[in-house]
Amino acid sequence: MSAKPGTDFPGVGVGLVLQRDDGKVLLCKRLKAPEAGFWNIVGGKVDPMEPSADAARREAEEETGLTIRRVEFLCPTEQIIKADRQHWVSLIYITSDFTGEAQLTEPDKLSDIGWFDLDNLPQPLSAFAQVAFEKLARR
């Protein structure tokens, strides 16, 4: 029996806040647990032997089609999502250093993608995104 990160033991994840020069942030609506149906920053799990900043960049590129350059550490978060029986320790990064046009490139995982003003975010908002935006507001 193989263990599944986030369910059989805490998973290690990453998230990336993508913020344009106009201040809008990119959010994706999740189709799968954790928090299916919630709007979230881009992200996913860290692969074995992969530095977390590289994982944040890779996940963002896979989910959006953007080219991500420099990322900066924003904050850690730990989420125990009892409804999905998942436990994640995630490192959240931020960047405005990217090129391209955001696209929904993983329709099997995400149902929607869009740019939003921080004072008018869609709901429901994932716990990961809430922590990231609270930290961003204190910068």
N, C-alpha and C. Protein backbone atom coordinates (compact mmCIF):
# COMPACT_ATOMS: atom_id res chain seq x y z
N MET A 1 0.84 -1.18 0.00
CA MET A 1 0.00 0.00 0.00
C MET A 1 0.88 1.24 0.00
N SER A 2 0.73 2.09 -0.99
CA SER A 2 1.53 3.30 -1.05
C SER A 2 0.80 4.44 -0.34
N ALA A 3 1.57 5.26 0.32
CA ALA A 3 1.01 6.40 1.03
C ALA A 3 0.75 7.53 0.05
N LYS A 4 -0.34 8.24 0.28
CA LYS A 4 -0.71 9.37 -0.57
C LYS A 4 -0.51 10.66 0.22
N PRO A 5 0.44 11.54 -0.23
CA PRO A 5 0.69 12.77 0.52
C PRO A 5 -0.60 13.55 0.75
N GLY A 6 -0.70 14.09 1.94
CA GLY A 6 -1.86 14.90 2.28
C GLY A 6 -2.99 14.09 2.89
N THR A 7 -2.96 12.77 2.71
CA THR A 7 -4.03 11.94 3.27
C THR A 7 -3.48 10.97 4.30
N ASP A 8 -2.46 10.18 3.94
CA ASP A 8 -1.88 9.21 4.86
C ASP A 8 -0.82 9.84 5.76
N PHE A 9 -0.29 10.96 5.34
CA PHE A 9 0.66 11.72 6.14
C PHE A 9 0.65 13.14 5.58
N PRO A 10 1.19 14.12 6.32
CA PRO A 10 1.18 15.48 5.79
C PRO A 10 1.93 15.56 4.46
N GLY A 11 1.32 16.25 3.50
CA GLY A 11 1.97 16.50 2.23
C GLY A 11 2.73 17.81 2.28
N VAL A 12 3.73 17.93 1.43
CA VAL A 12 4.48 19.17 1.31
C VAL A 12 4.06 19.81 0.00
N GLY A 13 3.52 21.02 0.10
CA GLY A 13 3.02 21.70 -1.08
C GLY A 13 3.61 23.08 -1.23
N VAL A 14 3.28 23.69 -2.37
CA VAL A 14 3.68 25.07 -2.66
C VAL A 14 2.51 25.80 -3.28
N GLY A 15 2.53 27.09 -3.13
CA GLY A 15 1.57 27.95 -3.80
C GLY A 15 2.31 29.17 -4.32
N LEU A 16 1.76 29.79 -5.36
CA LEU A 16 2.40 30.97 -5.92
C LEU A 16 1.34 32.03 -6.19
N VAL A 17 1.52 33.18 -5.57
CA VAL A 17 0.67 34.34 -5.84
C VAL A 17 1.27 35.03 -7.07
N LEU A 18 0.50 35.05 -8.14
CA LEU A 18 0.89 35.75 -9.36
C LEU A 18 0.18 37.10 -9.34
N GLN A 19 0.95 38.18 -9.31
CA GLN A 19 0.35 39.51 -9.21
C GLN A 19 0.84 40.39 -10.35
N ARG A 20 -0.12 40.93 -11.10
CA ARG A 20 0.21 41.83 -12.21
C ARG A 20 0.58 43.21 -11.68
N ASP A 21 1.11 44.04 -12.57
CA ASP A 21 1.49 45.40 -12.21
C ASP A 21 0.30 46.23 -11.74
N ASP A 22 -0.91 45.89 -12.23
CA ASP A 22 -2.12 46.62 -11.79
C ASP A 22 -2.65 46.13 -10.45
N GLY A 23 -1.95 45.17 -9.83
CA GLY A 23 -2.33 44.67 -8.51
C GLY A 23 -3.23 43.45 -8.53
N LYS A 24 -3.81 43.11 -9.68
CA LYS A 24 -4.70 41.94 -9.75
C LYS A 24 -3.91 40.65 -9.58
N VAL A 25 -4.57 39.67 -8.95
CA VAL A 25 -3.95 38.37 -8.70
C VAL A 25 -4.68 37.29 -9.49
N LEU A 26 -3.94 36.25 -9.85
CA LEU A 26 -4.49 35.14 -10.61
C LEU A 26 -5.02 34.06 -9.67
N LEU A 27 -6.26 33.65 -9.90
CA LEU A 27 -6.86 32.57 -9.12
C LEU A 27 -7.43 31.53 -10.06
N CYS A 28 -7.43 30.29 -9.58
CA CYS A 28 -7.98 29.16 -10.33
C CYS A 28 -9.04 28.49 -9.47
N LYS A 29 -10.10 28.01 -10.10
CA LYS A 29 -11.14 27.30 -9.38
C LYS A 29 -10.87 25.81 -9.47
N ARG A 30 -10.73 25.17 -8.31
CA ARG A 30 -10.32 23.76 -8.22
C ARG A 30 -11.48 22.81 -8.49
N LEU A 31 -11.15 21.72 -9.16
CA LEU A 31 -12.13 20.65 -9.40
C LEU A 31 -11.95 19.48 -8.43
N LYS A 32 -10.77 19.36 -7.83
CA LYS A 32 -10.44 18.20 -7.00
C LYS A 32 -10.04 18.65 -5.59
N ALA A 33 -10.10 17.69 -4.66
CA ALA A 33 -9.66 17.94 -3.29
C ALA A 33 -8.15 18.19 -3.28
N PRO A 34 -7.67 19.00 -2.37
CA PRO A 34 -8.44 19.64 -1.30
C PRO A 34 -9.20 20.87 -1.79
N GLU A 35 -10.33 21.07 -1.18
CA GLU A 35 -11.16 22.25 -1.40
C GLU A 35 -11.69 22.37 -2.84
N ALA A 36 -12.24 21.31 -3.35
CA ALA A 36 -12.87 21.34 -4.68
C ALA A 36 -13.96 22.41 -4.68
N GLY A 37 -14.03 23.17 -5.77
CA GLY A 37 -15.01 24.24 -5.89
C GLY A 37 -14.56 25.57 -5.32
N PHE A 38 -13.39 25.59 -4.70
CA PHE A 38 -12.85 26.82 -4.11
C PHE A 38 -11.88 27.47 -5.08
N TRP A 39 -11.78 28.79 -4.98
CA TRP A 39 -10.79 29.56 -5.75
C TRP A 39 -9.48 29.54 -4.99
N ASN A 40 -8.38 29.30 -5.71
CA ASN A 40 -7.07 29.14 -5.06
C ASN A 40 -5.98 29.79 -5.90
N ILE A 41 -4.87 30.10 -5.26
CA ILE A 41 -3.67 30.48 -5.99
C ILE A 41 -3.16 29.22 -6.69
N VAL A 42 -2.31 29.37 -7.68
CA VAL A 42 -1.75 28.20 -8.36
C VAL A 42 -0.80 27.49 -7.41
N GLY A 43 -0.66 26.19 -7.60
CA GLY A 43 0.26 25.44 -6.75
C GLY A 43 0.02 23.96 -6.83
N GLY A 44 0.73 23.25 -5.98
CA GLY A 44 0.62 21.79 -5.96
C GLY A 44 1.65 21.20 -5.03
N LYS A 45 1.99 19.95 -5.28
CA LYS A 45 2.91 19.27 -4.37
C LYS A 45 4.35 19.43 -4.83
N VAL A 46 5.24 19.32 -3.86
CA VAL A 46 6.67 19.35 -4.11
C VAL A 46 7.10 17.92 -4.40
N ASP A 47 7.78 17.72 -5.52
CA ASP A 47 8.29 16.39 -5.86
C ASP A 47 9.54 16.07 -5.05
N PRO A 48 9.86 14.79 -4.84
CA PRO A 48 11.08 14.43 -4.11
C PRO A 48 12.33 15.06 -4.75
N MET A 49 13.16 15.63 -3.93
CA MET A 49 14.43 16.24 -4.32
C MET A 49 14.25 17.53 -5.14
N GLU A 50 13.06 18.10 -5.14
CA GLU A 50 12.79 19.33 -5.87
C GLU A 50 12.75 20.50 -4.89
N PRO A 51 13.56 21.52 -5.08
CA PRO A 51 13.47 22.70 -4.21
C PRO A 51 12.07 23.32 -4.32
N SER A 52 11.58 23.80 -3.20
CA SER A 52 10.19 24.29 -3.18
C SER A 52 9.97 25.48 -4.12
N ALA A 53 10.94 26.38 -4.26
CA ALA A 53 10.77 27.51 -5.18
C ALA A 53 10.65 27.01 -6.62
N ASP A 54 11.41 25.98 -6.96
CA ASP A 54 11.31 25.38 -8.30
C ASP A 54 9.94 24.73 -8.50
N ALA A 55 9.44 24.09 -7.45
CA ALA A 55 8.13 23.44 -7.52
C ALA A 55 7.03 24.49 -7.73
N ALA A 56 7.13 25.62 -7.04
CA ALA A 56 6.14 26.69 -7.20
C ALA A 56 6.14 27.20 -8.64
N ARG A 57 7.32 27.39 -9.18
CA ARG A 57 7.46 27.86 -10.57
C ARG A 57 6.89 26.82 -11.53
N ARG A 58 7.26 25.56 -11.36
CA ARG A 58 6.80 24.48 -12.24
C ARG A 58 5.28 24.34 -12.20
N GLU A 59 4.71 24.30 -11.00
CA GLU A 59 3.26 24.15 -10.88
C GLU A 59 2.53 25.31 -11.55
N ALA A 60 3.03 26.53 -11.34
CA ALA A 60 2.39 27.70 -11.95
C ALA A 60 2.45 27.63 -13.47
N GLU A 61 3.59 27.24 -14.01
CA GLU A 61 3.73 27.14 -15.46
C GLU A 61 2.81 26.05 -16.03
N GLU A 62 2.72 24.91 -15.33
CA GLU A 62 1.84 23.82 -15.78
C GLU A 62 0.38 24.25 -15.76
N GLU A 63 -0.03 24.99 -14.75
CA GLU A 63 -1.44 25.33 -14.59
C GLU A 63 -1.89 26.54 -15.40
N THR A 64 -0.94 27.39 -15.83
CA THR A 64 -1.33 28.65 -16.47
C THR A 64 -0.76 28.87 -17.87
N GLY A 65 0.29 28.15 -18.22
CA GLY A 65 0.95 28.40 -19.50
C GLY A 65 1.86 29.61 -19.48
N LEU A 66 1.97 30.30 -18.35
CA LEU A 66 2.86 31.45 -18.22
C LEU A 66 4.31 30.98 -18.08
N THR A 67 5.25 31.86 -18.37
CA THR A 67 6.66 31.61 -18.08
C THR A 67 6.99 32.40 -16.83
N ILE A 68 7.40 31.68 -15.79
CA ILE A 68 7.67 32.29 -14.48
C ILE A 68 9.17 32.43 -14.32
N ARG A 69 9.60 33.61 -13.90
CA ARG A 69 11.03 33.81 -13.65
C ARG A 69 11.28 33.82 -12.14
N ARG A 70 11.68 34.92 -11.60
CA ARG A 70 12.05 34.99 -10.18
C ARG A 70 10.82 34.91 -9.28
N VAL A 71 10.93 34.12 -8.21
CA VAL A 71 9.88 34.05 -7.19
C VAL A 71 10.49 34.42 -5.85
N GLU A 72 9.65 34.95 -4.96
CA GLU A 72 10.10 35.38 -3.64
C GLU A 72 9.24 34.68 -2.59
N PHE A 73 9.86 34.21 -1.52
CA PHE A 73 9.13 33.55 -0.44
C PHE A 73 8.20 34.54 0.24
N LEU A 74 6.95 34.14 0.45
CA LEU A 74 5.95 34.99 1.12
C LEU A 74 5.66 34.51 2.54
N CYS A 75 5.32 33.21 2.69
CA CYS A 75 4.96 32.72 4.02
C CYS A 75 4.75 31.20 4.00
N PRO A 76 4.78 30.58 5.18
CA PRO A 76 4.39 29.18 5.29
C PRO A 76 2.91 29.10 5.67
N THR A 77 2.31 27.96 5.41
CA THR A 77 0.96 27.71 5.89
C THR A 77 0.80 26.23 6.15
N GLU A 78 0.00 25.91 7.13
CA GLU A 78 -0.35 24.51 7.41
C GLU A 78 -1.86 24.42 7.43
N GLN A 79 -2.38 23.54 6.61
CA GLN A 79 -3.83 23.38 6.52
C GLN A 79 -4.21 21.93 6.80
N ILE A 80 -5.10 21.76 7.75
CA ILE A 80 -5.71 20.45 8.01
C ILE A 80 -7.16 20.60 7.56
N ILE A 81 -7.45 19.97 6.45
CA ILE A 81 -8.76 20.11 5.82
C ILE A 81 -9.55 18.84 6.12
N LYS A 82 -10.26 18.89 7.23
CA LYS A 82 -10.95 17.69 7.72
C LYS A 82 -11.98 17.17 6.73
N ALA A 83 -12.68 18.06 6.03
CA ALA A 83 -13.70 17.64 5.07
C ALA A 83 -13.12 16.76 3.97
N ASP A 84 -11.86 16.99 3.62
CA ASP A 84 -11.20 16.21 2.57
C ASP A 84 -10.21 15.20 3.14
N ARG A 85 -10.10 15.16 4.48
CA ARG A 85 -9.15 14.27 5.15
C ARG A 85 -7.74 14.48 4.62
N GLN A 86 -7.35 15.75 4.49
CA GLN A 86 -6.02 16.08 3.99
C GLN A 86 -5.30 17.05 4.92
N HIS A 87 -3.99 16.89 4.98
CA HIS A 87 -3.12 17.71 5.82
C HIS A 87 -1.93 18.14 4.96
N TRP A 88 -1.77 19.46 4.80
CA TRP A 88 -0.71 20.00 3.95
C TRP A 88 0.10 21.05 4.70
N VAL A 89 1.42 20.97 4.57
CA VAL A 89 2.33 22.03 4.98
C VAL A 89 2.83 22.62 3.68
N SER A 90 2.53 23.89 3.45
CA SER A 90 2.85 24.52 2.17
C SER A 90 3.68 25.78 2.35
N LEU A 91 4.55 25.99 1.40
CA LEU A 91 5.36 27.20 1.33
C LEU A 91 4.78 28.05 0.21
N ILE A 92 4.45 29.29 0.54
CA ILE A 92 3.80 30.18 -0.40
C ILE A 92 4.82 31.21 -0.91
N TYR A 93 4.83 31.38 -2.21
CA TYR A 93 5.73 32.33 -2.87
C TYR A 93 4.89 33.38 -3.58
N ILE A 94 5.56 34.43 -4.05
CA ILE A 94 4.90 35.50 -4.80
C ILE A 94 5.81 35.92 -5.95
N THR A 95 5.20 36.36 -7.04
CA THR A 95 5.96 36.90 -8.15
C THR A 95 5.11 37.86 -8.98
N SER A 96 5.78 38.81 -9.58
CA SER A 96 5.19 39.63 -10.63
C SER A 96 6.09 39.53 -11.86
N ASP A 97 7.05 38.60 -11.79
CA ASP A 97 8.05 38.40 -12.84
C ASP A 97 7.66 37.21 -13.71
N PHE A 98 6.75 37.46 -14.64
CA PHE A 98 6.27 36.40 -15.54
C PHE A 98 5.90 37.00 -16.88
N THR A 99 5.82 36.14 -17.89
CA THR A 99 5.42 36.58 -19.22
C THR A 99 4.39 35.61 -19.78
N GLY A 100 3.64 36.09 -20.76
CA GLY A 100 2.62 35.29 -21.43
C GLY A 100 1.23 35.68 -20.99
N GLU A 101 0.26 34.98 -21.53
CA GLU A 101 -1.15 35.18 -21.18
C GLU A 101 -1.64 33.94 -20.43
N ALA A 102 -2.23 34.15 -19.27
CA ALA A 102 -2.71 33.03 -18.47
C ALA A 102 -3.82 32.29 -19.21
N GLN A 103 -3.71 30.97 -19.22
CA GLN A 103 -4.70 30.11 -19.86
C GLN A 103 -5.04 28.96 -18.93
N LEU A 104 -6.21 28.39 -19.13
CA LEU A 104 -6.62 27.21 -18.38
C LEU A 104 -6.02 25.99 -19.09
N THR A 105 -4.86 25.54 -18.62
CA THR A 105 -4.12 24.48 -19.30
C THR A 105 -4.34 23.10 -18.69
N GLU A 106 -4.99 23.03 -17.54
CA GLU A 106 -5.27 21.74 -16.89
C GLU A 106 -6.76 21.63 -16.58
N PRO A 107 -7.61 21.48 -17.61
CA PRO A 107 -9.06 21.44 -17.40
C PRO A 107 -9.54 20.22 -16.61
N ASP A 108 -8.67 19.22 -16.43
CA ASP A 108 -9.02 18.07 -15.60
C ASP A 108 -8.86 18.39 -14.11
N LYS A 109 -8.15 19.47 -13.77
CA LYS A 109 -7.91 19.85 -12.38
C LYS A 109 -8.58 21.18 -12.00
N LEU A 110 -8.76 22.05 -13.01
CA LEU A 110 -9.26 23.40 -12.75
C LEU A 110 -10.41 23.71 -13.70
N SER A 111 -11.45 24.39 -13.19
CA SER A 111 -12.61 24.70 -14.03
C SER A 111 -12.63 26.13 -14.54
N ASP A 112 -11.84 27.02 -13.92
CA ASP A 112 -11.85 28.42 -14.32
C ASP A 112 -10.56 29.07 -13.86
N ILE A 113 -10.22 30.17 -14.51
CA ILE A 113 -9.01 30.92 -14.16
C ILE A 113 -9.30 32.39 -14.47
N GLY A 114 -8.77 33.29 -13.62
CA GLY A 114 -9.00 34.69 -13.88
C GLY A 114 -8.19 35.60 -12.98
N TRP A 115 -8.13 36.86 -13.38
CA TRP A 115 -7.44 37.91 -12.63
C TRP A 115 -8.47 38.67 -11.80
N PHE A 116 -8.13 38.91 -10.53
CA PHE A 116 -9.08 39.54 -9.60
C PHE A 116 -8.40 40.62 -8.77
N ASP A 117 -9.18 41.68 -8.46
CA ASP A 117 -8.73 42.70 -7.52
C ASP A 117 -8.71 42.11 -6.13
N LEU A 118 -7.71 42.48 -5.34
CA LEU A 118 -7.62 41.97 -3.97
C LEU A 118 -8.81 42.37 -3.11
N ASP A 119 -9.48 43.46 -3.46
CA ASP A 119 -10.64 43.89 -2.67
C ASP A 119 -11.95 43.35 -3.24
N ASN A 120 -11.87 42.46 -4.23
CA ASN A 120 -13.07 41.87 -4.82
C ASN A 120 -12.77 40.44 -5.27
N LEU A 121 -12.36 39.60 -4.32
CA LEU A 121 -11.97 38.23 -4.63
C LEU A 121 -13.20 37.32 -4.72
N PRO A 122 -13.17 36.33 -5.61
CA PRO A 122 -14.30 35.41 -5.73
C PRO A 122 -14.40 34.52 -4.50
N GLN A 123 -15.57 33.98 -4.29
CA GLN A 123 -15.82 33.10 -3.15
C GLN A 123 -16.37 31.77 -3.64
N PRO A 124 -16.17 30.70 -2.93
CA PRO A 124 -15.36 30.61 -1.72
C PRO A 124 -13.87 30.63 -2.06
N LEU A 125 -13.09 31.17 -1.15
CA LEU A 125 -11.65 31.29 -1.32
C LEU A 125 -10.96 30.22 -0.46
N SER A 126 -10.01 29.52 -1.05
CA SER A 126 -9.34 28.43 -0.33
C SER A 126 -8.58 28.95 0.89
N ALA A 127 -8.36 28.07 1.85
CA ALA A 127 -7.60 28.42 3.05
C ALA A 127 -6.19 28.85 2.68
N PHE A 128 -5.57 28.20 1.69
CA PHE A 128 -4.22 28.56 1.26
C PHE A 128 -4.19 30.00 0.74
N ALA A 129 -5.15 30.36 -0.10
CA ALA A 129 -5.21 31.70 -0.66
C ALA A 129 -5.49 32.73 0.43
N GLN A 130 -6.36 32.40 1.37
CA GLN A 130 -6.67 33.33 2.45
C GLN A 130 -5.41 33.70 3.23
N VAL A 131 -4.61 32.69 3.57
CA VAL A 131 -3.37 32.94 4.31
C VAL A 131 -2.43 33.82 3.47
N ALA A 132 -2.29 33.49 2.20
CA ALA A 132 -1.39 34.25 1.32
C ALA A 132 -1.81 35.72 1.24
N PHE A 133 -3.11 35.96 1.07
CA PHE A 133 -3.57 37.34 0.92
C PHE A 133 -3.52 38.11 2.24
N GLU A 134 -3.72 37.42 3.37
CA GLU A 134 -3.55 38.08 4.67
C GLU A 134 -2.10 38.53 4.85
N LYS A 135 -1.17 37.66 4.49
CA LYS A 135 0.26 38.00 4.60
C LYS A 135 0.60 39.13 3.63
N LEU A 136 0.10 39.06 2.42
CA LEU A 136 0.35 40.09 1.42
C LEU A 136 -0.15 41.46 1.89
N ALA A 137 -1.28 41.49 2.57
CA ALA A 137 -1.86 42.74 3.06
C ALA A 137 -0.99 43.37 4.14
N ARG A 138 -0.21 42.57 4.86
CA ARG A 138 0.65 43.07 5.94
C ARG A 138 2.04 43.48 5.46
N ARG A 139 2.33 43.29 4.17
CA ARG A 139 3.67 43.63 3.65
C ARG A 139 3.85 45.11 3.51
